[in-house]
C-alpha atoms as a PDB file:
ATOM      1  CA  MET A   1      97.327 112.510  76.195  1.00  0.00           C
ATOM      2  CA  GLY A   2      98.475 109.073  77.363  1.00  0.00           C
ATOM      3  CA  GLU A   3     100.364 108.022  80.458  1.00  0.00           C
ATOM      4  CA  PRO A   4     104.067 108.960  80.427  1.00  0.00           C
ATOM      5  CA  VAL A   5     105.957 105.715  80.059  1.00  0.00           C
ATOM      6  CA  GLY A   6     109.576 104.682  79.990  1.00  0.00           C
ATOM      7  CA  ARG A   7     112.623 106.893  79.860  1.00  0.00           C
ATOM      8  CA  THR A   8     112.564 110.628  80.443  1.00  0.00           C
ATOM      9  CA  GLY A   9     116.270 111.105  79.821  1.00  0.00           C
ATOM     10  CA  PRO A  10     119.530 109.230  80.239  1.00  0.00           C
ATOM     11  CA  GLY A  11     119.091 106.755  83.084  1.00  0.00           C
ATOM     12  CA  ALA A  12     115.675 108.067  84.210  1.00  0.00           C
ATOM     13  CA  LEU A  13     112.478 105.998  84.176  1.00  0.00           C
ATOM     14  CA  VAL A  14     108.831 106.833  84.720  1.00  0.00           C
ATOM     15  CA  PRO A  15     107.177 103.712  86.136  1.00  0.00           C
ATOM     16  CA  GLU A  16     104.686 102.066  83.809  1.00  0.00           C
ATOM     17  CA  SER A  17     101.327 100.706  84.882  1.00  0.00           C
ATOM     18  CA  LEU A  18     101.013  96.937  84.963  1.00  0.00           C
ATOM     19  CA  THR A  19      99.442  95.184  82.009  1.00  0.00           C
ATOM     20  CA  PRO A  20      99.952  91.576  80.959  1.00  0.00           C
ATOM     21  CA  VAL A  21     101.580  92.693  77.690  1.00  0.00           C
ATOM     22  CA  ARG A  22     103.974  95.168  79.294  1.00  0.00           C
ATOM     23  CA  TRP A  23     104.937  92.687  82.031  1.00  0.00           C
ATOM     24  CA  ALA A  24     105.322  89.637  79.711  1.00  0.00           C
ATOM     25  CA  PRO A  25     109.106  89.980  79.122  1.00  0.00           C
ATOM     26  CA  PHE A  26     109.650  89.749  82.896  1.00  0.00           C
ATOM     27  CA  GLY A  27     107.020  87.279  84.084  1.00  0.00           C
ATOM     28  CA  TRP A  28     103.247  87.143  84.301  1.00  0.00           C
ATOM     29  CA  LEU A  29     100.386  88.658  86.261  1.00  0.00           C
ATOM     30  CA  PRO A  30      98.273  86.138  88.190  1.00  0.00           C
ATOM     31  CA  VAL A  31      94.626  86.011  87.112  1.00  0.00           C
ATOM     32  CA  ALA A  32      91.386  84.854  88.713  1.00  0.00           C
ATOM     33  CA  ASP A  33      90.811  81.118  88.861  1.00  0.00           C
ATOM     34  CA  THR A  34      87.841  81.612  86.517  1.00  0.00           C
ATOM     35  CA  ASP A  35      90.020  83.257  83.821  1.00  0.00           C
ATOM     36  CA  PRO A  36      90.790  80.947  80.872  1.00  0.00           C
ATOM     37  CA  ALA A  37      94.452  82.046  81.143  1.00  0.00           C
ATOM     38  CA  ASP A  38      94.707  80.698  84.713  1.00  0.00           C
ATOM     39  CA  GLY A  39      97.466  78.102  84.845  1.00  0.00           C
ATOM     40  CA  GLU A  40      99.328  79.245  81.726  1.00  0.00           C
ATOM     41  CA  GLY A  41     102.193  80.550  83.860  1.00  0.00           C
ATOM     42  CA  ARG A  42     103.850  78.066  86.205  1.00  0.00           C
ATOM     43  CA  LEU A  43     106.044  78.546  89.229  1.00  0.00           C
ATOM     44  CA  SER A  44     109.367  76.733  88.981  1.00  0.00           C
ATOM     45  CA  PHE A  45     111.734  75.743  91.788  1.00  0.00           C
ATOM     46  CA  ALA A  46     114.760  73.733  90.612  1.00  0.00           C
ATOM     47  CA  TRP A  47     115.783  73.041  94.205  1.00  0.00           C
ATOM     48  CA  VAL A  48     112.226  72.080  95.286  1.00  0.00           C
ATOM     49  CA  ASP A  49     112.402  74.759  97.982  1.00  0.00           C
ATOM     50  CA  ALA A  50     109.298  76.909  97.396  1.00  0.00           C
ATOM     51  CA  HIS A  51     108.795  79.163 100.399  1.00  0.00           C
ATOM     52  CA  VAL A  52     106.166  81.763 101.354  1.00  0.00           C
ATOM     53  CA  ASN A  53     106.889  84.622 103.723  1.00  0.00           C
ATOM     54  CA  LEU A  54     106.376  88.317 104.370  1.00  0.00           C
ATOM     55  CA  ILE A  55     109.226  90.664 103.572  1.00  0.00           C
ATOM     56  CA  GLY A  56     109.606  94.414 103.544  1.00  0.00           C
ATOM     57  CA  HIS A  57     111.636  97.185 102.040  1.00  0.00           C
ATOM     58  CA  ARG A  58     112.277 100.673 103.359  1.00  0.00           C
ATOM     59  CA  ARG A  59     112.667 103.690 101.173  1.00  0.00           C
ATOM     60  CA  ASP A  60     115.922 104.597 102.925  1.00  0.00           C
ATOM     61  CA  GLU A  61     117.552 101.301 101.773  1.00  0.00           C
ATOM     62  CA  VAL A  62     118.267 102.958  98.426  1.00  0.00           C
ATOM     63  CA  PRO A  63     119.568 106.399  97.472  1.00  0.00           C
ATOM     64  CA  ALA A  64     117.050 109.192  97.006  1.00  0.00           C
ATOM     65  CA  VAL A  65     117.272 111.448  93.950  1.00  0.00           C
ATOM     66  CA  PRO A  66     115.196 114.513  93.092  1.00  0.00           C
ATOM     67  CA  GLY A  67     111.723 113.145  92.351  1.00  0.00           C
ATOM     68  CA  GLY A  68     112.458 109.542  93.195  1.00  0.00           C
ATOM     69  CA  LEU A  69     114.839 106.718  93.976  1.00  0.00           C
ATOM     70  CA  ARG A  70     118.034 105.401  92.397  1.00  0.00           C
ATOM     71  CA  CYS A  71     118.408 101.779  91.336  1.00  0.00           C
ATOM     72  CA  GLU A  72     122.098 100.909  91.571  1.00  0.00           C
ATOM     73  CA  ILE A  73     121.962  97.092  91.768  1.00  0.00           C
ATOM     74  CA  LEU A  74     119.750  94.467  90.146  1.00  0.00           C
ATOM     75  CA  PHE A  75     119.376  90.888  91.418  1.00  0.00           C
ATOM     76  CA  ARG A  76     118.205  87.616  89.870  1.00  0.00           C
ATOM     77  CA  HIS A  77     117.609  83.981  90.764  1.00  0.00           C
ATOM     78  CA  ALA A  78     118.428  81.296  88.168  1.00  0.00           C
ATOM     79  CA  THR A  79     116.835  78.436  90.124  1.00  0.00           C
ATOM     80  CA  HIS A  80     113.334  79.772  90.746  1.00  0.00           C
ATOM     81  CA  THR A  81     110.468  82.033  89.875  1.00  0.00           C
ATOM     82  CA  GLN A  82     109.399  84.633  92.417  1.00  0.00           C
ATOM     83  CA  ALA A  83     105.988  86.098  93.216  1.00  0.00           C
ATOM     84  CA  LEU A  84     105.591  89.440  94.991  1.00  0.00           C
ATOM     85  CA  MET A  85     102.588  91.496  96.109  1.00  0.00           C
ATOM     86  CA  PRO A  86     102.546  94.786  98.048  1.00  0.00           C
ATOM     87  CA  LEU A  87     100.193  94.462 101.002  1.00  0.00           C
ATOM     88  CA  ASP A  88      99.952  97.941 102.495  1.00  0.00           C
ATOM     89  CA  VAL A  89     101.183 100.711 100.163  1.00  0.00           C
ATOM     90  CA  PRO A  90     101.875 101.127  96.442  1.00  0.00           C
ATOM     91  CA  ALA A  91     105.389 100.192  95.376  1.00  0.00           C
ATOM     92  CA  VAL A  92     107.751 100.395  92.424  1.00  0.00           C
ATOM     93  CA  ILE A  93     109.827  97.591  90.951  1.00  0.00           C
ATOM     94  CA  VAL A  94     112.629  97.771  88.384  1.00  0.00           C
ATOM     95  CA  VAL A  95     113.178  94.788  86.078  1.00  0.00           C
ATOM     96  CA  ALA A  96     115.193  93.623  83.080  1.00  0.00           C
ATOM     97  CA  PRO A  97     114.717  90.438  81.033  1.00  0.00           C
ATOM     98  CA  ALA A  98     116.561  87.294  82.137  1.00  0.00           C
ATOM     99  CA  GLY A  99     118.502  87.033  78.870  1.00  0.00           C
ATOM    100  CA  VAL A 100     120.102  90.472  79.119  1.00  0.00           C
ATOM    101  CA  GLY A 101     123.668  90.535  80.457  1.00  0.00           C
ATOM    102  CA  LEU A 102     123.616  94.165  81.629  1.00  0.00           C
ATOM    103  CA  GLY A 103     127.284  94.423  80.736  1.00  0.00           C
ATOM    104  CA  THR A 104     127.055  97.477  78.491  1.00  0.00           C
ATOM    105  CA  PRO A 105     125.173 100.778  78.583  1.00  0.00           C
ATOM    106  CA  GLY A 106     123.156  99.576  75.587  1.00  0.00           C
ATOM    107  CA  ASP A 107     121.779  96.746  77.740  1.00  0.00           C
ATOM    108  CA  ALA A 108     120.319  99.375  80.082  1.00  0.00           C
ATOM    109  CA  GLU A 109     117.684 100.158  77.420  1.00  0.00           C
ATOM    110  CA  SER A 110     115.941  96.909  78.402  1.00  0.00           C
ATOM    111  CA  ILE A 111     115.431  98.053  82.022  1.00  0.00           C
ATOM    112  CA  ARG A 112     111.869  99.023  82.942  1.00  0.00           C
ATOM    113  CA  ALA A 113     110.089 100.281  86.053  1.00  0.00           C
ATOM    114  CA  PHE A 114     106.513  99.432  87.058  1.00  0.00           C
ATOM    115  CA  ARG A 115     104.091 100.766  89.642  1.00  0.00           C
ATOM    116  CA  LEU A 116     102.597  98.041  91.800  1.00  0.00           C
ATOM    117  CA  PRO A 117      99.271  99.027  93.332  1.00  0.00           C
ATOM    118  CA  VAL A 118      98.383  97.521  96.710  1.00  0.00           C
ATOM    119  CA  LEU A 119      97.333  93.854  96.371  1.00  0.00           C
ATOM    120  CA  SER A 120      98.601  93.605  92.770  1.00  0.00           C
ATOM    121  CA  PRO A 121     100.716  90.447  92.446  1.00  0.00           C
ATOM    122  CA  VAL A 122     103.472  89.891  89.901  1.00  0.00           C
ATOM    123  CA  VAL A 123     105.492  86.792  89.094  1.00  0.00           C
ATOM    124  CA  LEU A 124     109.087  87.045  87.886  1.00  0.00           C
ATOM    125  CA  HIS A 125     110.376  84.504  85.363  1.00  0.00           C
ATOM    126  CA  ARG A 126     113.452  82.560  86.485  1.00  0.00           C
ATOM    127  CA  GLY A 127     116.481  84.788  85.986  1.00  0.00           C
ATOM    128  CA  THR A 128     114.587  88.089  85.626  1.00  0.00           C
ATOM    129  CA  TRP A 129     116.694  90.948  86.974  1.00  0.00           C
ATOM    130  CA  HIS A 130     114.854  92.915  89.670  1.00  0.00           C
ATOM    131  CA  TRP A 131     115.155  95.667  92.286  1.00  0.00           C
ATOM    132  CA  GLY A 132     112.604  96.194  95.011  1.00  0.00           C
ATOM    133  CA  PRO A 133     109.722  96.584  95.221  1.00  0.00           C
ATOM    134  CA  TYR A 134     110.259  99.799  97.150  1.00  0.00           C
ATOM    135  CA  PRO A 135     107.494 101.969  98.636  1.00  0.00           C
ATOM    136  CA  VAL A 136     105.942 104.898  96.820  1.00  0.00           C
ATOM    137  CA  GLY A 137     104.628 107.664  99.065  1.00  0.00           C
ATOM    138  CA  ALA A 138     105.524 105.852 102.291  1.00  0.00           C
ATOM    139  CA  GLU A 139     108.592 104.932 104.307  1.00  0.00           C
ATOM    140  CA  SER A 140     108.162 101.164 104.014  1.00  0.00           C
ATOM    141  CA  VAL A 141     106.225  98.449 102.201  1.00  0.00           C
ATOM    142  CA  ARG A 142     105.238  94.951 103.385  1.00  0.00           C
ATOM    143  CA  LEU A 143     105.287  92.318 100.664  1.00  0.00           C
ATOM    144  CA  PHE A 144     103.815  88.856 100.265  1.00  0.00           C
ATOM    145  CA  ASN A 145     106.723  86.844  98.830  1.00  0.00           C
ATOM    146  CA  VAL A 146     107.008  83.398  97.243  1.00  0.00           C
ATOM    147  CA  GLN A 147     110.548  82.356  96.316  1.00  0.00           C
ATOM    148  CA  GLY A 148     113.153  79.677  96.879  1.00  0.00           C
ATOM    149  CA  LEU A 149     114.026  79.230 100.542  1.00  0.00           C
ATOM    150  CA  ARG A 150     117.726  79.055  99.595  1.00  0.00           C
ATOM    151  CA  TYR A 151     117.601  82.269  97.502  1.00  0.00           C
ATOM    152  CA  ARG A 152     120.761  83.584  99.183  1.00  0.00           C
ATOM    153  CA  GLU A 153     122.696  80.782  97.435  1.00  0.00           C
ATOM    154  CA  ASP A 154     121.208  81.881  94.105  1.00  0.00           C
ATOM    155  CA  ASN A 155     121.255  85.653  94.263  1.00  0.00           C
ATOM    156  CA  ASP A 156     123.263  86.974  91.322  1.00  0.00           C
ATOM    157  CA  SER A 157     123.664  90.732  91.155  1.00  0.00           C
ATOM    158  CA  VAL A 158     124.919  93.366  88.792  1.00  0.00           C
ATOM    159  CA  ASP A 159     126.276  96.690  90.063  1.00  0.00           C
ATOM    160  CA  LEU A 160     124.758  99.241  87.690  1.00  0.00           C
ATOM    161  CA  LEU A 161     126.518 102.115  89.442  1.00  0.00           C
ATOM    162  CA  ALA A 162     129.964 100.556  88.936  1.00  0.00           C
ATOM    163  CA  ARG A 163     129.123 100.066  85.256  1.00  0.00           C
ATOM    164  CA  GLY A 164     128.060 103.692  84.879  1.00  0.00           C
ATOM    165  CA  MET A 165     124.405 102.894  84.274  1.00  0.00           C
ATOM    166  CA  PRO A 166     122.372 103.568  87.442  1.00  0.00           C
ATOM    167  CA  VAL A 167     118.668 104.149  86.876  1.00  0.00           C
ATOM    168  CA  ASP A 168     116.698 106.953  88.504  1.00  0.00           C
ATOM    169  CA  VAL A 169     113.053 105.967  89.057  1.00  0.00           C
ATOM    170  CA  LEU A 170     110.728 108.959  89.179  1.00  0.00           C
ATOM    171  CA  VAL A 171     108.119 108.161  91.834  1.00  0.00           C
ATOM    172  CA  ASP A 172     107.341 111.497  93.503  1.00  0.00           C
END
């Protein structure tokens, strides 16, 4: 029997494991410099403000639900790509493609959740909706982060709860 993937019921997601194919609608997975695919994906910063820092998220920043966490808001940045990598504990990230408006419950079908093992980097395409990463099995996660320094000026959000489409992410 294969890994449970995707939705388990209305609004509930089982996080998928990362593969280049599964992640492709949302960004790309960095590869070794010896991989022929190295350099196919490119970081993009319209405001020429690429910035590297360490950030963190706590599990108590988001509502807990039986067996996991609730994603009520997604964010996106139209001016830049973003790279993230959990440094100390596994994490979970929720994403939706950049071209989806998330204005109707039908749009929620495009939302996915992924498990991010420690030291597994991901890159988000410009405009990809995202939530987290939040820790799995721990109270907090430290993240290596590359994004636009002025991200606060380019931080669109959509309130899934207000639109009646919150997503429960089953992580426990």
